[in-house]
């Protein structure tokens, strides 16, 4: 897919980082949420990213991505999402609302982590 190749090339030229919160990082959907937050460089809460690239960066199957979307949607991590022509179009929920929905009073230690395969 051309879009996935272009996005991967851009990532290689300018590595992204994301702020990870210890209390949220334990949730199953959090890997995808943090990946998408890293690509939301303007902080708009909206990301369009090739589904294939998400799978490759997280080293998971398409069904895992869909499962994470469903579980994250339940607590407000994803406000809306759809996949069209292989591109994930998603609106992200905010950190405060997610913590409130999970009944967490703190989000734990914060670390800035480079994006990429682990």
N, C-alpha and C. Protein backbone atom coordinates (compact mmCIF):
# COMPACT_ATOMS: atom_id res chain seq x y z
N UNK A 1 0.85 -1.17 0.00
CA UNK A 1 0.00 0.00 0.00
C UNK A 1 0.90 1.24 0.00
N UNK A 2 0.66 2.13 -0.92
CA UNK A 2 1.48 3.32 -1.09
C UNK A 2 1.43 4.23 0.12
N UNK A 3 0.24 4.44 0.69
CA UNK A 3 0.10 5.32 1.85
C UNK A 3 0.89 4.78 3.04
N UNK A 4 0.84 3.48 3.27
CA UNK A 4 1.59 2.87 4.37
C UNK A 4 3.09 3.06 4.17
N UNK A 5 3.56 2.89 2.95
CA UNK A 5 4.98 3.06 2.65
C UNK A 5 5.41 4.51 2.87
N UNK A 6 4.59 5.46 2.44
CA UNK A 6 4.91 6.88 2.63
C UNK A 6 4.93 7.24 4.11
N UNK A 7 3.97 6.73 4.87
CA UNK A 7 3.92 7.02 6.30
C UNK A 7 5.11 6.41 7.01
N UNK A 8 5.48 5.19 6.67
CA UNK A 8 6.63 4.53 7.27
C UNK A 8 7.91 5.29 6.93
N UNK A 9 8.02 5.79 5.70
CA UNK A 9 9.20 6.55 5.30
C UNK A 9 9.28 7.86 6.09
N UNK A 10 8.15 8.53 6.28
CA UNK A 10 8.13 9.77 7.05
C UNK A 10 8.52 9.50 8.50
N UNK A 11 8.07 8.39 9.05
CA UNK A 11 8.41 8.01 10.42
C UNK A 11 9.90 7.75 10.55
N UNK A 12 10.51 7.16 9.53
CA UNK A 12 11.95 6.89 9.56
C UNK A 12 12.75 8.20 9.53
N UNK A 13 12.23 9.20 8.82
CA UNK A 13 12.93 10.48 8.73
C UNK A 13 12.77 11.32 9.99
N UNK A 14 11.57 11.25 10.59
CA UNK A 14 11.31 12.05 11.78
C UNK A 14 10.64 11.16 12.82
N UNK A 15 11.42 10.49 13.66
CA UNK A 15 10.84 9.62 14.68
C UNK A 15 9.91 10.39 15.61
N UNK A 16 8.81 9.77 15.98
CA UNK A 16 7.83 10.39 16.87
C UNK A 16 8.00 9.85 18.28
N UNK A 17 7.55 10.63 19.24
CA UNK A 17 7.52 10.17 20.63
C UNK A 17 6.10 10.35 21.15
N UNK A 18 5.82 9.65 22.23
CA UNK A 18 4.50 9.76 22.86
C UNK A 18 4.68 9.70 24.37
N UNK A 19 3.83 10.44 25.09
CA UNK A 19 3.84 10.40 26.55
C UNK A 19 2.98 9.23 27.00
N UNK A 20 3.59 8.30 27.73
CA UNK A 20 2.89 7.10 28.21
C UNK A 20 2.65 7.24 29.71
N UNK A 21 1.44 6.92 30.13
CA UNK A 21 1.02 7.02 31.53
C UNK A 21 0.93 5.61 32.12
N UNK A 22 1.64 5.36 33.20
CA UNK A 22 1.77 4.01 33.76
C UNK A 22 0.42 3.35 34.05
N UNK A 23 -0.52 4.06 34.61
CA UNK A 23 -1.80 3.47 34.97
C UNK A 23 -2.63 3.09 33.75
N UNK A 24 -2.51 3.83 32.66
CA UNK A 24 -3.29 3.53 31.45
C UNK A 24 -2.59 2.51 30.56
N UNK A 25 -1.28 2.48 30.61
CA UNK A 25 -0.52 1.57 29.73
C UNK A 25 -0.83 0.11 29.99
N UNK A 26 -1.44 -0.19 31.12
CA UNK A 26 -1.80 -1.57 31.46
C UNK A 26 -3.05 -2.06 30.73
N UNK A 27 -3.82 -1.15 30.17
CA UNK A 27 -5.06 -1.51 29.49
C UNK A 27 -4.76 -2.10 28.12
N UNK A 28 -5.55 -3.07 27.68
CA UNK A 28 -5.27 -3.76 26.41
C UNK A 28 -5.33 -2.83 25.20
N UNK A 29 -6.24 -1.87 25.19
CA UNK A 29 -6.43 -0.96 24.06
C UNK A 29 -5.38 0.14 24.02
N UNK A 30 -4.60 0.30 25.10
CA UNK A 30 -3.71 1.45 25.24
C UNK A 30 -2.59 1.49 24.21
N UNK A 31 -2.09 0.33 23.76
CA UNK A 31 -1.03 0.35 22.74
C UNK A 31 -1.49 1.10 21.49
N UNK A 32 -2.68 0.77 21.04
CA UNK A 32 -3.21 1.44 19.86
C UNK A 32 -3.48 2.91 20.14
N UNK A 33 -4.04 3.22 21.29
CA UNK A 33 -4.36 4.61 21.64
C UNK A 33 -3.09 5.46 21.67
N UNK A 34 -2.03 4.94 22.27
CA UNK A 34 -0.77 5.69 22.32
C UNK A 34 -0.14 5.82 20.94
N UNK A 35 -0.21 4.79 20.14
CA UNK A 35 0.30 4.88 18.76
C UNK A 35 -0.42 6.00 18.01
N UNK A 36 -1.73 6.02 18.10
CA UNK A 36 -2.51 7.04 17.39
C UNK A 36 -2.24 8.43 17.95
N UNK A 37 -2.08 8.54 19.26
CA UNK A 37 -1.74 9.85 19.85
C UNK A 37 -0.40 10.35 19.33
N UNK A 38 0.55 9.45 19.12
CA UNK A 38 1.86 9.87 18.60
C UNK A 38 1.71 10.46 17.21
N UNK A 39 0.82 9.90 16.40
CA UNK A 39 0.62 10.42 15.05
C UNK A 39 -0.27 11.66 15.02
N UNK A 40 -0.94 11.96 16.10
CA UNK A 40 -1.76 13.18 16.20
C UNK A 40 -0.86 14.33 16.64
N UNK A 41 0.08 14.69 15.80
CA UNK A 41 1.10 15.67 16.16
C UNK A 41 0.54 17.07 16.42
N UNK A 42 -0.63 17.37 15.87
CA UNK A 42 -1.23 18.69 16.09
C UNK A 42 -2.20 18.70 17.26
N UNK A 43 -2.42 17.55 17.89
CA UNK A 43 -3.28 17.47 19.05
C UNK A 43 -4.76 17.70 18.77
N UNK A 44 -5.19 17.37 17.57
CA UNK A 44 -6.59 17.58 17.18
C UNK A 44 -7.52 16.47 17.64
N UNK A 45 -6.95 15.33 18.02
CA UNK A 45 -7.78 14.20 18.43
C UNK A 45 -8.31 13.40 17.26
N UNK A 46 -7.82 13.68 16.06
CA UNK A 46 -8.26 12.97 14.86
C UNK A 46 -7.04 12.45 14.11
N UNK A 47 -7.10 11.17 13.74
CA UNK A 47 -5.98 10.55 13.04
C UNK A 47 -6.51 9.69 11.90
N UNK A 48 -5.84 9.75 10.78
CA UNK A 48 -6.07 8.82 9.67
C UNK A 48 -4.75 8.11 9.42
N UNK A 49 -4.77 6.79 9.55
CA UNK A 49 -3.54 6.02 9.45
C UNK A 49 -3.85 4.68 8.80
N UNK A 50 -3.00 4.22 7.89
CA UNK A 50 -3.24 2.92 7.28
C UNK A 50 -3.32 1.81 8.33
N UNK A 51 -4.36 1.01 8.24
CA UNK A 51 -4.54 -0.10 9.17
C UNK A 51 -3.34 -1.04 9.14
N UNK A 52 -2.82 -1.28 7.95
CA UNK A 52 -1.65 -2.16 7.79
C UNK A 52 -0.45 -1.62 8.58
N UNK A 53 -0.25 -0.32 8.56
CA UNK A 53 0.87 0.28 9.29
C UNK A 53 0.68 0.11 10.80
N UNK A 54 -0.55 0.27 11.28
CA UNK A 54 -0.83 0.05 12.70
C UNK A 54 -0.48 -1.38 13.09
N UNK A 55 -0.89 -2.31 12.26
CA UNK A 55 -0.61 -3.72 12.52
C UNK A 55 0.89 -3.97 12.56
N UNK A 56 1.62 -3.41 11.61
CA UNK A 56 3.07 -3.63 11.54
C UNK A 56 3.80 -3.00 12.72
N UNK A 57 3.44 -1.77 13.07
CA UNK A 57 4.12 -1.10 14.17
C UNK A 57 3.84 -1.75 15.52
N UNK A 58 2.64 -2.29 15.68
CA UNK A 58 2.26 -2.92 16.94
C UNK A 58 2.49 -4.43 16.93
N UNK A 59 2.80 -4.97 15.76
CA UNK A 59 3.03 -6.41 15.58
C UNK A 59 1.83 -7.22 16.07
N UNK A 60 0.65 -6.84 15.56
CA UNK A 60 -0.60 -7.53 15.92
C UNK A 60 -1.42 -7.77 14.66
N UNK A 61 -2.43 -8.60 14.79
CA UNK A 61 -3.32 -8.90 13.66
C UNK A 61 -4.42 -7.84 13.54
N UNK A 62 -5.11 -7.88 12.41
CA UNK A 62 -6.22 -6.97 12.19
C UNK A 62 -7.33 -7.20 13.22
N UNK A 63 -7.57 -8.45 13.57
CA UNK A 63 -8.62 -8.74 14.55
C UNK A 63 -8.27 -8.16 15.93
N UNK A 64 -6.99 -8.13 16.27
CA UNK A 64 -6.57 -7.52 17.53
C UNK A 64 -6.84 -6.02 17.51
N UNK A 65 -6.54 -5.38 16.40
CA UNK A 65 -6.83 -3.94 16.28
C UNK A 65 -8.32 -3.70 16.49
N UNK A 66 -9.18 -4.48 15.83
CA UNK A 66 -10.62 -4.31 15.98
C UNK A 66 -11.07 -4.59 17.42
N UNK A 67 -10.47 -5.56 18.08
CA UNK A 67 -10.81 -5.87 19.47
C UNK A 67 -10.42 -4.70 20.38
N UNK A 68 -9.23 -4.12 20.14
CA UNK A 68 -8.80 -2.97 20.93
C UNK A 68 -9.70 -1.77 20.68
N UNK A 69 -10.13 -1.57 19.45
CA UNK A 69 -11.05 -0.47 19.16
C UNK A 69 -12.35 -0.64 19.94
N UNK A 70 -12.88 -1.86 19.97
CA UNK A 70 -14.14 -2.11 20.67
C UNK A 70 -13.99 -1.89 22.18
N UNK A 71 -12.93 -2.43 22.77
CA UNK A 71 -12.76 -2.29 24.22
C UNK A 71 -12.43 -0.84 24.60
N UNK A 72 -11.66 -0.16 23.77
CA UNK A 72 -11.34 1.24 24.04
C UNK A 72 -12.53 2.16 23.86
N UNK A 73 -13.40 1.83 22.93
CA UNK A 73 -14.61 2.64 22.70
C UNK A 73 -15.52 2.60 23.93
N UNK A 74 -15.57 1.46 24.61
CA UNK A 74 -16.42 1.30 25.78
C UNK A 74 -16.07 2.28 26.90
N UNK A 75 -14.80 2.65 27.03
CA UNK A 75 -14.40 3.56 28.11
C UNK A 75 -14.04 4.96 27.60
N UNK A 76 -14.25 5.20 26.31
CA UNK A 76 -14.05 6.54 25.78
C UNK A 76 -12.70 6.84 25.18
N UNK A 77 -11.85 5.83 25.00
CA UNK A 77 -10.54 6.06 24.38
C UNK A 77 -10.69 6.41 22.90
N UNK A 78 -11.72 5.86 22.28
CA UNK A 78 -12.01 6.15 20.87
C UNK A 78 -13.45 6.62 20.79
N UNK A 79 -13.66 7.85 20.33
CA UNK A 79 -15.02 8.38 20.25
C UNK A 79 -15.74 7.86 19.02
N UNK A 80 -15.04 7.74 17.92
CA UNK A 80 -15.60 7.12 16.72
C UNK A 80 -14.47 6.62 15.86
N UNK A 81 -14.76 5.57 15.11
CA UNK A 81 -13.72 5.01 14.24
C UNK A 81 -14.38 4.27 13.09
N UNK A 82 -13.65 4.24 11.99
CA UNK A 82 -14.07 3.44 10.84
C UNK A 82 -12.83 3.15 10.01
N UNK A 83 -12.94 2.07 9.25
CA UNK A 83 -11.88 1.72 8.32
C UNK A 83 -12.48 1.75 6.93
N UNK A 84 -11.87 2.55 6.07
CA UNK A 84 -12.33 2.64 4.69
C UNK A 84 -11.11 2.58 3.78
N UNK A 85 -11.17 1.68 2.83
CA UNK A 85 -10.07 1.49 1.88
C UNK A 85 -8.74 1.24 2.60
N UNK A 86 -8.80 0.51 3.71
CA UNK A 86 -7.59 0.16 4.44
C UNK A 86 -7.03 1.25 5.33
N UNK A 87 -7.76 2.36 5.48
CA UNK A 87 -7.28 3.49 6.29
C UNK A 87 -8.18 3.63 7.52
N UNK A 88 -7.55 3.63 8.69
CA UNK A 88 -8.26 3.82 9.94
C UNK A 88 -8.47 5.32 10.14
N UNK A 89 -9.73 5.72 10.24
CA UNK A 89 -10.12 7.11 10.47
C UNK A 89 -10.74 7.14 11.86
N UNK A 90 -10.07 7.82 12.78
CA UNK A 90 -10.49 7.71 14.19
C UNK A 90 -10.42 9.04 14.92
N UNK A 91 -11.39 9.23 15.81
CA UNK A 91 -11.40 10.36 16.74
C UNK A 91 -11.07 9.81 18.11
N UNK A 92 -10.02 10.37 18.73
CA UNK A 92 -9.53 9.88 20.02
C UNK A 92 -10.23 10.58 21.18
N UNK A 93 -10.45 9.83 22.25
CA UNK A 93 -10.94 10.41 23.49
C UNK A 93 -9.79 11.01 24.27
N UNK A 94 -10.11 11.91 25.17
CA UNK A 94 -9.09 12.60 25.94
C UNK A 94 -8.68 11.86 27.21
N UNK A 95 -7.51 12.18 27.69
CA UNK A 95 -6.92 11.53 28.85
C UNK A 95 -7.78 11.68 30.10
N UNK A 96 -8.25 12.87 30.38
CA UNK A 96 -9.04 13.12 31.58
C UNK A 96 -10.34 12.33 31.57
N UNK A 97 -11.03 12.33 30.45
CA UNK A 97 -12.29 11.59 30.34
C UNK A 97 -12.06 10.09 30.50
N UNK A 98 -10.98 9.58 29.94
CA UNK A 98 -10.67 8.15 30.06
C UNK A 98 -10.41 7.79 31.52
N UNK A 99 -9.62 8.60 32.21
CA UNK A 99 -9.33 8.35 33.62
C UNK A 99 -10.63 8.39 34.44
N UNK A 100 -11.48 9.34 34.15
CA UNK A 100 -12.77 9.44 34.86
C UNK A 100 -13.61 8.19 34.60
N UNK A 101 -13.67 7.73 33.34
CA UNK A 101 -14.46 6.54 33.00
C UNK A 101 -13.90 5.27 33.63
N UNK A 102 -12.58 5.23 33.81
CA UNK A 102 -11.94 4.08 34.45
C UNK A 102 -11.91 4.21 35.98
N UNK A 103 -12.43 5.34 36.47
CA UNK A 103 -12.44 5.63 37.91
C UNK A 103 -11.03 5.67 38.50
N UNK A 104 -10.12 6.24 37.74
CA UNK A 104 -8.74 6.41 38.20
C UNK A 104 -8.57 7.85 38.67
N UNK A 105 -7.97 8.03 39.83
CA UNK A 105 -7.73 9.38 40.34
C UNK A 105 -6.36 9.90 39.92
N UNK A 106 -5.49 9.00 39.45
CA UNK A 106 -4.17 9.38 38.96
C UNK A 106 -3.85 8.54 37.74
N UNK A 107 -3.03 9.07 36.85
CA UNK A 107 -2.64 8.27 35.69
C UNK A 107 -1.25 7.69 35.83
N UNK A 108 -0.62 7.89 36.99
CA UNK A 108 0.66 7.26 37.26
C UNK A 108 1.84 8.02 36.68
N UNK A 109 2.97 7.39 36.74
CA UNK A 109 4.21 7.95 36.22
C UNK A 109 4.09 8.17 34.72
N UNK A 110 4.67 9.26 34.24
CA UNK A 110 4.63 9.59 32.83
C UNK A 110 6.04 9.46 32.24
N UNK A 111 6.13 8.77 31.10
CA UNK A 111 7.42 8.62 30.42
C UNK A 111 7.24 9.00 28.96
N UNK A 112 8.22 9.67 28.40
CA UNK A 112 8.23 9.98 26.98
C UNK A 112 8.95 8.84 26.28
N UNK A 113 8.24 8.18 25.36
CA UNK A 113 8.74 6.97 24.73
C UNK A 113 8.81 7.15 23.21
N UNK A 114 9.91 6.74 22.57
CA UNK A 114 9.96 6.83 21.11
C UNK A 114 9.02 5.80 20.48
N UNK A 115 8.44 6.19 19.39
CA UNK A 115 7.51 5.33 18.67
C UNK A 115 8.30 4.36 17.80
N UNK A 116 7.85 3.15 17.73
CA UNK A 116 8.49 2.16 16.88
C UNK A 116 8.25 0.78 17.42
N UNK A 117 8.72 -0.19 16.67
CA UNK A 117 8.58 -1.58 17.12
C UNK A 117 9.42 -1.81 18.34
N UNK A 118 8.86 -2.58 19.28
CA UNK A 118 9.62 -2.88 20.49
C UNK A 118 10.28 -4.24 20.37
